[in-house]
Amino acid sequence: MLLKRFKVFHNFIKSSRLMTKRYTHLEHKINVNGININVVECGNGDKSLLLMPGALGSAWTDFKPQIENLPKLLPNYKIIVWDPPGYGKSIPPKRQWGLDVFHNDARLAVDLMTKLDRPQFSIIGWSGGGITGLIAAGNYLNYVEKLVVCAAGAYLVPAEVKAFHNLRDVSQWSPSMRPPMEDIYGPERFVELWNEWVDMLYTFHEKNDGDFCKREVKMIKAPTLILRGRKDPIISPEPMAYLRDNIKNSRYYEFPEGKHNFHLRYVDEFNKLVADFLMD
């Protein structure tokens, strides 16, 4: 009986350690080019993976299931998730907008990974972070090993401008979408920041023919996995098809019932697809 109790206790301790290991992460700030960037690190592998959130997003709002579950699928990777400058806990500074906003983020991301002594890395970029990832992969060929781009395109089409216009009034958002952003920014700054984002898209549409990174896409050499939700109400099929047609070493997959945040709804399927691609 005593031996049996010891084995039960031993298995409990072993299980607890595994759970602790699964959820272990380090969150801290690192100064990059004078900006204190908030990062979450998990995993202990020699290879490196950077996760890039979308509009107004942070590590925890956009990639919590990946922080918690990807390390066990990618034991060879150190996973780093950042809050882009002006988002999440990377405030100050105030977010700076303009036609160079995604290019500035891409440069800063490369400098961040270099400062972390991980200058060769792969990327998972979702939504706005996907645009940044495309630019990083196209402009910094010697840095980006593999790219996963989710719910993002190389350019903006009128249907997408209309979709974001319809989302401008945050009071019409679902109750599940507003609170995480209001918790981070406060209700007033959240509204202000979201309107700045939508205004920025109008600027791209009117002054740059909607072009985010067509030139960079054609320069990408890294193996690329393109993921789209077939029922995404925001991102149109055309700009993502452009990626498939212009990135030579690419794979394309659609989540049949997926919307814009399919990586949060179909966590297991998404994580396995990504892990298989990165481990291949």
C-alpha atoms as a PDB file:
ATOM      1  CA  MET A   1       0.000   0.000   0.000  1.00  0.00           C
ATOM      2  CA  LEU A   2       2.836   2.388   0.885  1.00  0.00           C
ATOM      3  CA  LEU A   3       4.616   1.585  -2.383  1.00  0.00           C
ATOM      4  CA  LYS A   4       1.397   2.191  -4.317  1.00  0.00           C
ATOM      5  CA  ARG A   5       0.908   5.577  -2.675  1.00  0.00           C
ATOM      6  CA  PHE A   6       4.510   6.489  -3.454  1.00  0.00           C
ATOM      7  CA  LYS A   7       4.001   5.650  -7.139  1.00  0.00           C
ATOM      8  CA  VAL A   8       0.824   7.749  -7.288  1.00  0.00           C
ATOM      9  CA  PHE A   9       2.624  10.662  -5.643  1.00  0.00           C
ATOM     10  CA  HIS A  10       5.616  10.239  -7.965  1.00  0.00           C
ATOM     11  CA  ASN A  11       3.367  10.267 -11.048  1.00  0.00           C
ATOM     12  CA  PHE A  12       1.584  13.367  -9.760  1.00  0.00           C
ATOM     13  CA  ILE A  13       4.878  15.216  -9.288  1.00  0.00           C
ATOM     14  CA  LYS A  14       6.062  14.086 -12.734  1.00  0.00           C
ATOM     15  CA  SER A  15       2.799  15.262 -14.332  1.00  0.00           C
ATOM     16  CA  SER A  16       2.999  18.604 -12.526  1.00  0.00           C
ATOM     17  CA  ARG A  17       6.527  19.128 -13.784  1.00  0.00           C
ATOM     18  CA  LEU A  18       5.443  18.375 -17.338  1.00  0.00           C
ATOM     19  CA  MET A  19       2.572  20.848 -17.052  1.00  0.00           C
ATOM     20  CA  THR A  20       4.911  23.453 -15.615  1.00  0.00           C
ATOM     21  CA  LYS A  21       7.337  22.880 -18.452  1.00  0.00           C
ATOM     22  CA  ARG A  22       4.532  23.172 -20.982  1.00  0.00           C
ATOM     23  CA  TYR A  23       3.474  26.585 -19.764  1.00  0.00           C
ATOM     24  CA  THR A  24       6.885  27.958 -18.781  1.00  0.00           C
ATOM     25  CA  HIS A  25       7.615  31.268 -20.407  1.00  0.00           C
ATOM     26  CA  LEU A  26       9.719  34.351 -19.833  1.00  0.00           C
ATOM     27  CA  GLU A  27       8.199  37.770 -20.445  1.00  0.00           C
ATOM     28  CA  HIS A  28      10.487  40.781 -20.418  1.00  0.00           C
ATOM     29  CA  LYS A  29      11.467  43.922 -22.291  1.00  0.00           C
ATOM     30  CA  ILE A  30      14.509  44.409 -24.452  1.00  0.00           C
ATOM     31  CA  ASN A  31      15.742  47.734 -25.754  1.00  0.00           C
ATOM     32  CA  VAL A  32      16.053  47.751 -29.538  1.00  0.00           C
ATOM     33  CA  ASN A  33      17.090  50.982 -31.247  1.00  0.00           C
ATOM     34  CA  GLY A  34      15.904  52.983 -28.240  1.00  0.00           C
ATOM     35  CA  ILE A  35      12.501  51.235 -28.015  1.00  0.00           C
ATOM     36  CA  ASN A  36      11.614  48.901 -25.149  1.00  0.00           C
ATOM     37  CA  ILE A  37      10.029  45.932 -26.907  1.00  0.00           C
ATOM     38  CA  ASN A  38       7.981  43.485 -24.847  1.00  0.00           C
ATOM     39  CA  VAL A  39       8.649  39.838 -25.697  1.00  0.00           C
ATOM     40  CA  VAL A  40       7.441  36.472 -24.476  1.00  0.00           C
ATOM     41  CA  GLU A  41       9.910  33.608 -24.821  1.00  0.00           C
ATOM     42  CA  CYS A  42       9.153  29.903 -24.511  1.00  0.00           C
ATOM     43  CA  GLY A  43      10.872  26.693 -25.519  1.00  0.00           C
ATOM     44  CA  ASN A  44      14.568  25.882 -25.364  1.00  0.00           C
ATOM     45  CA  GLY A  45      15.593  24.832 -28.863  1.00  0.00           C
ATOM     46  CA  ASP A  46      18.534  25.980 -30.939  1.00  0.00           C
ATOM     47  CA  LYS A  47      16.338  27.091 -33.833  1.00  0.00           C
ATOM     48  CA  SER A  48      14.299  30.309 -33.581  1.00  0.00           C
ATOM     49  CA  LEU A  49      10.718  31.303 -34.348  1.00  0.00           C
ATOM     50  CA  LEU A  50       9.229  34.800 -34.130  1.00  0.00           C
ATOM     51  CA  LEU A  51       5.460  35.273 -33.880  1.00  0.00           C
ATOM     52  CA  MET A  52       4.045  38.591 -35.129  1.00  0.00           C
ATOM     53  CA  PRO A  53       0.574  39.758 -33.927  1.00  0.00           C
ATOM     54  CA  GLY A  54      -1.997  41.596 -36.019  1.00  0.00           C
ATOM     55  CA  ALA A  55      -3.580  45.042 -35.748  1.00  0.00           C
ATOM     56  CA  LEU A  56      -3.383  46.397 -32.177  1.00  0.00           C
ATOM     57  CA  GLY A  57      -2.461  42.884 -31.097  1.00  0.00           C
ATOM     58  CA  SER A  58      -0.045  41.615 -28.477  1.00  0.00           C
ATOM     59  CA  ALA A  59       1.595  38.305 -27.672  1.00  0.00           C
ATOM     60  CA  TRP A  60      -1.208  37.207 -25.356  1.00  0.00           C
ATOM     61  CA  THR A  61      -4.216  38.536 -27.259  1.00  0.00           C
ATOM     62  CA  ASP A  62      -3.144  37.016 -30.584  1.00  0.00           C
ATOM     63  CA  PHE A  63      -1.022  33.958 -29.761  1.00  0.00           C
ATOM     64  CA  LYS A  64      -1.906  32.612 -26.311  1.00  0.00           C
ATOM     65  CA  PRO A  65      -2.717  29.053 -27.559  1.00  0.00           C
ATOM     66  CA  GLN A  66       0.544  29.007 -29.511  1.00  0.00           C
ATOM     67  CA  ILE A  67       2.600  30.164 -26.519  1.00  0.00           C
ATOM     68  CA  GLU A  68       1.024  27.428 -24.416  1.00  0.00           C
ATOM     69  CA  ASN A  69       1.123  24.563 -26.921  1.00  0.00           C
ATOM     70  CA  LEU A  70       3.675  25.058 -29.699  1.00  0.00           C
ATOM     71  CA  PRO A  71       6.777  24.369 -27.557  1.00  0.00           C
ATOM     72  CA  LYS A  72       5.819  20.698 -27.133  1.00  0.00           C
ATOM     73  CA  LEU A  73       5.352  20.373 -30.925  1.00  0.00           C
ATOM     74  CA  LEU A  74       8.561  22.259 -31.720  1.00  0.00           C
ATOM     75  CA  PRO A  75      11.141  21.002 -29.196  1.00  0.00           C
ATOM     76  CA  ASN A  76      13.986  22.229 -31.411  1.00  0.00           C
ATOM     77  CA  TYR A  77      12.746  25.833 -31.317  1.00  0.00           C
ATOM     78  CA  LYS A  78      12.987  28.824 -29.064  1.00  0.00           C
ATOM     79  CA  ILE A  79       9.715  30.690 -29.641  1.00  0.00           C
ATOM     80  CA  ILE A  80       9.635  34.466 -29.301  1.00  0.00           C
ATOM     81  CA  VAL A  81       6.447  36.517 -29.502  1.00  0.00           C
ATOM     82  CA  TRP A  82       6.652  40.302 -29.587  1.00  0.00           C
ATOM     83  CA  ASP A  83       4.359  43.222 -28.982  1.00  0.00           C
ATOM     84  CA  PRO A  84       5.127  45.512 -31.956  1.00  0.00           C
ATOM     85  CA  PRO A  85       6.150  49.083 -31.096  1.00  0.00           C
ATOM     86  CA  GLY A  86       3.153  51.075 -29.906  1.00  0.00           C
ATOM     87  CA  TYR A  87       1.096  47.938 -29.244  1.00  0.00           C
ATOM     88  CA  GLY A  88       0.453  45.975 -26.061  1.00  0.00           C
ATOM     89  CA  LYS A  89       3.221  46.440 -23.508  1.00  0.00           C
ATOM     90  CA  SER A  90       5.609  47.959 -26.065  1.00  0.00           C
ATOM     91  CA  ILE A  91       4.299  51.405 -25.084  1.00  0.00           C
ATOM     92  CA  PRO A  92       5.812  53.930 -25.102  1.00  0.00           C
ATOM     93  CA  PRO A  93       6.325  54.889 -27.892  1.00  0.00           C
ATOM     94  CA  LYS A  94       3.011  55.853 -29.378  1.00  0.00           C
ATOM     95  CA  ARG A  95       2.367  53.913 -32.568  1.00  0.00           C
ATOM     96  CA  GLN A  96       3.804  55.706 -35.610  1.00  0.00           C
ATOM     97  CA  TRP A  97       1.807  55.391 -38.820  1.00  0.00           C
ATOM     98  CA  GLY A  98       2.632  56.001 -42.473  1.00  0.00           C
ATOM     99  CA  LEU A  99       3.389  54.110 -45.661  1.00  0.00           C
ATOM    100  CA  ASP A 100       6.585  52.790 -44.059  1.00  0.00           C
ATOM    101  CA  VAL A 101       4.936  51.376 -40.930  1.00  0.00           C
ATOM    102  CA  PHE A 102       5.254  47.693 -41.873  1.00  0.00           C
ATOM    103  CA  HIS A 103       8.770  48.158 -43.239  1.00  0.00           C
ATOM    104  CA  ASN A 104       9.815  49.818 -39.969  1.00  0.00           C
ATOM    105  CA  ASP A 105       8.384  46.893 -38.018  1.00  0.00           C
ATOM    106  CA  ALA A 106      10.227  44.404 -40.229  1.00  0.00           C
ATOM    107  CA  ARG A 107      13.549  46.165 -39.671  1.00  0.00           C
ATOM    108  CA  LEU A 108      12.951  46.329 -35.933  1.00  0.00           C
ATOM    109  CA  ALA A 109      12.021  42.640 -35.815  1.00  0.00           C
ATOM    110  CA  VAL A 110      15.295  41.683 -37.506  1.00  0.00           C
ATOM    111  CA  ASP A 111      17.219  43.935 -35.105  1.00  0.00           C
ATOM    112  CA  LEU A 112      15.355  42.379 -32.164  1.00  0.00           C
ATOM    113  CA  MET A 113      16.264  38.840 -33.166  1.00  0.00           C
ATOM    114  CA  THR A 114      19.849  39.875 -33.834  1.00  0.00           C
ATOM    115  CA  LYS A 115      20.065  41.409 -30.371  1.00  0.00           C
ATOM    116  CA  LEU A 116      18.711  38.165 -28.911  1.00  0.00           C
ATOM    117  CA  ASP A 117      21.588  36.427 -30.717  1.00  0.00           C
ATOM    118  CA  ARG A 118      19.150  34.614 -33.006  1.00  0.00           C
ATOM    119  CA  PRO A 119      19.798  36.272 -36.384  1.00  0.00           C
ATOM    120  CA  GLN A 120      18.474  33.298 -38.382  1.00  0.00           C
ATOM    121  CA  PHE A 121      14.817  32.655 -37.589  1.00  0.00           C
ATOM    122  CA  SER A 122      11.439  31.639 -38.956  1.00  0.00           C
ATOM    123  CA  ILE A 123       8.260  33.738 -38.741  1.00  0.00           C
ATOM    124  CA  ILE A 124       4.573  33.218 -38.119  1.00  0.00           C
ATOM    125  CA  GLY A 125       2.755  36.435 -38.996  1.00  0.00           C
ATOM    126  CA  TRP A 126      -0.983  36.887 -38.598  1.00  0.00           C
ATOM    127  CA  SER A 127      -3.042  39.667 -40.268  1.00  0.00           C
ATOM    128  CA  GLY A 128      -1.016  42.893 -40.009  1.00  0.00           C
ATOM    129  CA  GLY A 129       1.856  40.835 -38.647  1.00  0.00           C
ATOM    130  CA  GLY A 130       1.663  38.736 -41.795  1.00  0.00           C
ATOM    131  CA  ILE A 131       2.410  41.829 -43.879  1.00  0.00           C
ATOM    132  CA  THR A 132       5.417  42.545 -41.676  1.00  0.00           C
ATOM    133  CA  GLY A 133       6.534  38.952 -42.096  1.00  0.00           C
ATOM    134  CA  LEU A 134       6.321  39.147 -45.877  1.00  0.00           C
ATOM    135  CA  ILE A 135       8.470  42.269 -45.891  1.00  0.00           C
ATOM    136  CA  ALA A 136      11.025  40.750 -43.539  1.00  0.00           C
ATOM    137  CA  ALA A 137      11.279  37.607 -45.676  1.00  0.00           C
ATOM    138  CA  GLY A 138      11.615  39.629 -48.892  1.00  0.00           C
ATOM    139  CA  ASN A 139      14.087  42.236 -47.659  1.00  0.00           C
ATOM    140  CA  TYR A 140      16.246  40.194 -45.281  1.00  0.00           C
ATOM    141  CA  LEU A 141      16.900  36.981 -47.168  1.00  0.00           C
ATOM    142  CA  ASN A 142      19.813  35.891 -44.989  1.00  0.00           C
ATOM    143  CA  TYR A 143      17.776  36.195 -41.804  1.00  0.00           C
ATOM    144  CA  VAL A 144      14.416  34.528 -42.468  1.00  0.00           C
ATOM    145  CA  GLU A 145      14.563  30.744 -42.811  1.00  0.00           C
ATOM    146  CA  LYS A 146      10.853  29.906 -43.162  1.00  0.00           C
ATOM    147  CA  LEU A 147       7.669  31.976 -43.255  1.00  0.00           C
ATOM    148  CA  VAL A 148       4.088  31.241 -42.237  1.00  0.00           C
ATOM    149  CA  VAL A 149       1.707  34.003 -43.333  1.00  0.00           C
ATOM    150  CA  CYS A 150      -1.859  33.913 -42.020  1.00  0.00           C
ATOM    151  CA  ALA A 151      -4.828  36.017 -43.142  1.00  0.00           C
ATOM    152  CA  ALA A 152      -2.701  38.668 -44.838  1.00  0.00           C
ATOM    153  CA  GLY A 153      -2.047  39.795 -48.394  1.00  0.00           C
ATOM    154  CA  ALA A 154       0.478  41.829 -50.340  1.00  0.00           C
ATOM    155  CA  TYR A 155      -2.012  44.548 -51.152  1.00  0.00           C
ATOM    156  CA  LEU A 156      -5.375  46.007 -50.233  1.00  0.00           C
ATOM    157  CA  VAL A 157      -8.480  45.712 -52.423  1.00  0.00           C
ATOM    158  CA  PRO A 158     -11.642  47.892 -52.247  1.00  0.00           C
ATOM    159  CA  ALA A 159     -13.675  45.104 -50.622  1.00  0.00           C
ATOM    160  CA  GLU A 160     -11.216  45.038 -47.740  1.00  0.00           C
ATOM    161  CA  VAL A 161     -11.353  48.819 -47.337  1.00  0.00           C
ATOM    162  CA  LYS A 162     -15.134  48.502 -47.071  1.00  0.00           C
ATOM    163  CA  ALA A 163     -14.816  45.666 -44.548  1.00  0.00           C
ATOM    164  CA  PHE A 164     -12.586  47.734 -42.280  1.00  0.00           C
ATOM    165  CA  HIS A 165     -14.862  50.745 -42.696  1.00  0.00           C
ATOM    166  CA  ASN A 166     -17.736  48.606 -41.426  1.00  0.00           C
ATOM    167  CA  LEU A 167     -15.625  47.665 -38.411  1.00  0.00           C
ATOM    168  CA  ARG A 168     -14.649  51.235 -37.525  1.00  0.00           C
ATOM    169  CA  ASP A 169     -17.399  51.631 -34.921  1.00  0.00           C
ATOM    170  CA  VAL A 170     -16.112  49.404 -32.115  1.00  0.00           C
ATOM    171  CA  SER A 171     -19.420  49.663 -30.255  1.00  0.00           C
ATOM    172  CA  GLN A 172     -20.756  47.272 -32.895  1.00  0.00           C
ATOM    173  CA  TRP A 173     -18.062  44.673 -32.205  1.00  0.00           C
ATOM    174  CA  SER A 174     -19.027  41.459 -30.456  1.00  0.00           C
ATOM    175  CA  PRO A 175     -18.706  41.479 -26.652  1.00  0.00           C
ATOM    176  CA  SER A 176     -15.893  38.918 -26.863  1.00  0.00           C
ATOM    177  CA  MET A 177     -13.706  41.113 -29.090  1.00  0.00           C
ATOM    178  CA  ARG A 178     -13.719  44.467 -27.288  1.00  0.00           C
ATOM    179  CA  PRO A 179     -12.734  43.666 -23.673  1.00  0.00           C
ATOM    180  CA  PRO A 180      -9.201  42.316 -24.377  1.00  0.00           C
ATOM    181  CA  MET A 181      -8.322  45.493 -26.276  1.00  0.00           C
ATOM    182  CA  GLU A 182      -9.974  47.772 -23.730  1.00  0.00           C
ATOM    183  CA  ASP A 183      -8.031  46.026 -20.967  1.00  0.00           C
ATOM    184  CA  ILE A 184      -4.752  46.795 -22.732  1.00  0.00           C
ATOM    185  CA  TYR A 185      -5.338  50.325 -23.968  1.00  0.00           C
ATOM    186  CA  GLY A 186      -8.315  51.606 -22.016  1.00  0.00           C
ATOM    187  CA  PRO A 187     -11.651  52.259 -23.786  1.00  0.00           C
ATOM    188  CA  GLU A 188     -10.723  55.726 -25.118  1.00  0.00           C
ATOM    189  CA  ARG A 189      -7.232  54.905 -26.411  1.00  0.00           C
ATOM    190  CA  PHE A 190      -8.515  51.672 -27.951  1.00  0.00           C
ATOM    191  CA  VAL A 191     -11.061  53.604 -30.040  1.00  0.00           C
ATOM    192  CA  GLU A 192      -8.428  56.165 -31.004  1.00  0.00           C
ATOM    193  CA  LEU A 193      -5.829  53.552 -31.937  1.00  0.00           C
ATOM    194  CA  TRP A 194      -8.289  51.489 -33.980  1.00  0.00           C
ATOM    195  CA  ASN A 195      -9.357  54.560 -35.937  1.00  0.00           C
ATOM    196  CA  GLU A 196      -5.690  55.339 -36.601  1.00  0.00           C
ATOM    197  CA  TRP A 197      -5.312  51.821 -38.023  1.00  0.00           C
ATOM    198  CA  VAL A 198      -8.329  52.200 -40.319  1.00  0.00           C
ATOM    199  CA  ASP A 199      -7.129  55.650 -41.431  1.00  0.00           C
ATOM    200  CA  MET A 200      -3.746  54.131 -42.237  1.00  0.00           C
ATOM    201  CA  LEU A 201      -5.411  51.590 -44.533  1.00  0.00           C
ATOM    202  CA  TYR A 202      -7.243  54.411 -46.313  1.00  0.00           C
ATOM    203  CA  THR A 203      -3.869  56.090 -46.842  1.00  0.00           C
ATOM    204  CA  PHE A 204      -2.444  52.946 -48.437  1.00  0.00           C
ATOM    205  CA  HIS A 205      -5.532  52.632 -50.621  1.00  0.00           C
ATOM    206  CA  GLU A 206      -5.515  56.236 -51.791  1.00  0.00           C
ATOM    207  CA  LYS A 207      -1.803  57.055 -51.996  1.00  0.00           C
ATOM    208  CA  ASN A 208      -0.137  53.725 -52.676  1.00  0.00           C
ATOM    209  CA  ASP A 209      -2.757  51.919 -54.784  1.00  0.00           C
ATOM    210  CA  GLY A 210      -3.264  49.590 -51.821  1.00  0.00           C
ATOM    211  CA  ASP A 211       0.252  48.172 -52.185  1.00  0.00           C
ATOM    212  CA  PHE A 212       1.806  46.881 -48.942  1.00  0.00           C
ATOM    213  CA  CYS A 213       4.652  44.770 -50.268  1.00  0.00           C
ATOM    214  CA  LYS A 214       4.249  43.452 -53.829  1.00  0.00           C
ATOM    215  CA  ARG A 215       7.941  44.027 -54.549  1.00  0.00           C
ATOM    216  CA  GLU A 216       9.077  42.169 -51.438  1.00  0.00           C
ATOM    217  CA  VAL A 217       6.793  39.197 -52.112  1.00  0.00           C
ATOM    218  CA  LYS A 218       8.493  38.536 -55.442  1.00  0.00           C
ATOM    219  CA  MET A 219      11.887  38.489 -53.698  1.00  0.00           C
ATOM    220  CA  ILE A 220      11.025  35.876 -51.062  1.00  0.00           C
ATOM    221  CA  LYS A 221      13.145  32.718 -51.230  1.00  0.00           C
ATOM    222  CA  ALA A 222      12.284  31.201 -47.858  1.00  0.00           C
ATOM    223  CA  PRO A 223       9.889  28.238 -47.895  1.00  0.00           C
ATOM    224  CA  THR A 224       6.477  29.733 -47.182  1.00  0.00           C
ATOM    225  CA  LEU A 225       3.217  28.369 -45.832  1.00  0.00           C
ATOM    226  CA  ILE A 226       0.167  30.504 -46.744  1.00  0.00           C
ATOM    227  CA  LEU A 227      -2.900  29.990 -44.557  1.00  0.00           C
ATOM    228  CA  ARG A 228      -6.354  31.449 -45.084  1.00  0.00           C
ATOM    229  CA  GLY A 229      -9.805  31.074 -43.583  1.00  0.00           C
ATOM    230  CA  ARG A 230     -12.223  30.420 -46.433  1.00  0.00           C
ATOM    231  CA  LYS A 231     -14.939  32.411 -44.635  1.00  0.00           C
ATOM    232  CA  ASP A 232     -12.694  35.328 -43.675  1.00  0.00           C
ATOM    233  CA  PRO A 233     -14.946  38.421 -43.847  1.00  0.00           C
ATOM    234  CA  ILE A 234     -11.993  40.830 -43.889  1.00  0.00           C
ATOM    235  CA  ILE A 235      -9.254  39.494 -46.161  1.00  0.00           C
ATOM    236  CA  SER A 236     -10.282  38.831 -49.767  1.00  0.00           C
ATOM    237  CA  PRO A 237      -9.097  35.727 -51.653  1.00  0.00           C
ATOM    238  CA  GLU A 238      -7.326  37.700 -54.396  1.00  0.00           C
ATOM    239  CA  PRO A 239      -4.421  39.197 -52.397  1.00  0.00           C
ATOM    240  CA  MET A 240      -3.667  35.830 -50.813  1.00  0.00           C
ATOM    241  CA  ALA A 241      -3.806  34.067 -54.165  1.00  0.00           C
ATOM    242  CA  TYR A 242      -1.219  36.622 -55.287  1.00  0.00           C
ATOM    243  CA  LEU A 243       1.116  35.269 -52.610  1.00  0.00           C
ATOM    244  CA  ARG A 244       0.635  31.704 -53.819  1.00  0.00           C
ATOM    245  CA  ASP A 245       1.329  32.728 -57.418  1.00  0.00           C
ATOM    246  CA  ASN A 246       4.394  34.869 -56.677  1.00  0.00           C
ATOM    247  CA  ILE A 247       6.239  33.046 -53.890  1.00  0.00           C
ATOM    248  CA  LYS A 248       7.991  30.232 -55.680  1.00  0.00           C
ATOM    249  CA  ASN A 249       8.606  27.882 -52.772  1.00  0.00           C
ATOM    250  CA  SER A 250       5.166  28.085 -51.183  1.00  0.00           C
ATOM    251  CA  ARG A 251       2.319  25.900 -49.976  1.00  0.00           C
ATOM    252  CA  TYR A 252      -1.292  27.051 -49.644  1.00  0.00           C
ATOM    253  CA  TYR A 253      -3.983  25.789 -47.302  1.00  0.00           C
ATOM    254  CA  GLU A 254      -7.477  26.982 -46.436  1.00  0.00           C
ATOM    255  CA  PHE A 255      -9.465  26.286 -43.289  1.00  0.00           C
ATOM    256  CA  PRO A 256     -12.902  25.485 -44.794  1.00  0.00           C
ATOM    257  CA  GLU A 257     -14.890  27.009 -41.913  1.00  0.00           C
ATOM    258  CA  GLY A 258     -12.184  29.438 -40.817  1.00  0.00           C
ATOM    259  CA  LYS A 259     -12.729  33.144 -40.455  1.00  0.00           C
ATOM    260  CA  HIS A 260     -10.079  35.783 -39.774  1.00  0.00           C
ATOM    261  CA  ASN A 261      -8.727  34.327 -36.527  1.00  0.00           C
ATOM    262  CA  PHE A 262      -8.742  30.663 -37.517  1.00  0.00           C
ATOM    263  CA  HIS A 263      -5.481  30.104 -35.588  1.00  0.00           C
ATOM    264  CA  LEU A 264      -7.390  30.781 -32.348  1.00  0.00           C
ATOM    265  CA  ARG A 265     -10.480  28.748 -33.203  1.00  0.00           C
ATOM    266  CA  TYR A 266      -8.815  25.720 -34.783  1.00  0.00           C
ATOM    267  CA  VAL A 267      -5.804  25.644 -32.493  1.00  0.00           C
ATOM    268  CA  ASP A 268      -4.813  21.982 -32.759  1.00  0.00           C
ATOM    269  CA  GLU A 269      -5.102  21.862 -36.550  1.00  0.00           C
ATOM    270  CA  PHE A 270      -3.262  25.155 -36.959  1.00  0.00           C
ATOM    271  CA  ASN A 271      -0.452  24.256 -34.575  1.00  0.00           C
ATOM    272  CA  LYS A 272       0.088  20.869 -36.209  1.00  0.00           C
ATOM    273  CA  LEU A 273       0.163  22.354 -39.715  1.00  0.00           C
ATOM    274  CA  VAL A 274       2.689  24.934 -38.629  1.00  0.00           C
ATOM    275  CA  ALA A 275       4.824  22.473 -36.672  1.00  0.00           C
ATOM    276  CA  ASP A 276       4.922  19.959 -39.518  1.00  0.00           C
ATOM    277  CA  PHE A 277       5.956  22.710 -41.922  1.00  0.00           C
ATOM    278  CA  LEU A 278       8.709  24.047 -39.681  1.00  0.00           C
ATOM    279  CA  MET A 279      10.049  20.600 -38.785  1.00  0.00           C
ATOM    280  CA  ASP A 280      10.035  19.407 -42.410  1.00  0.00           C
END
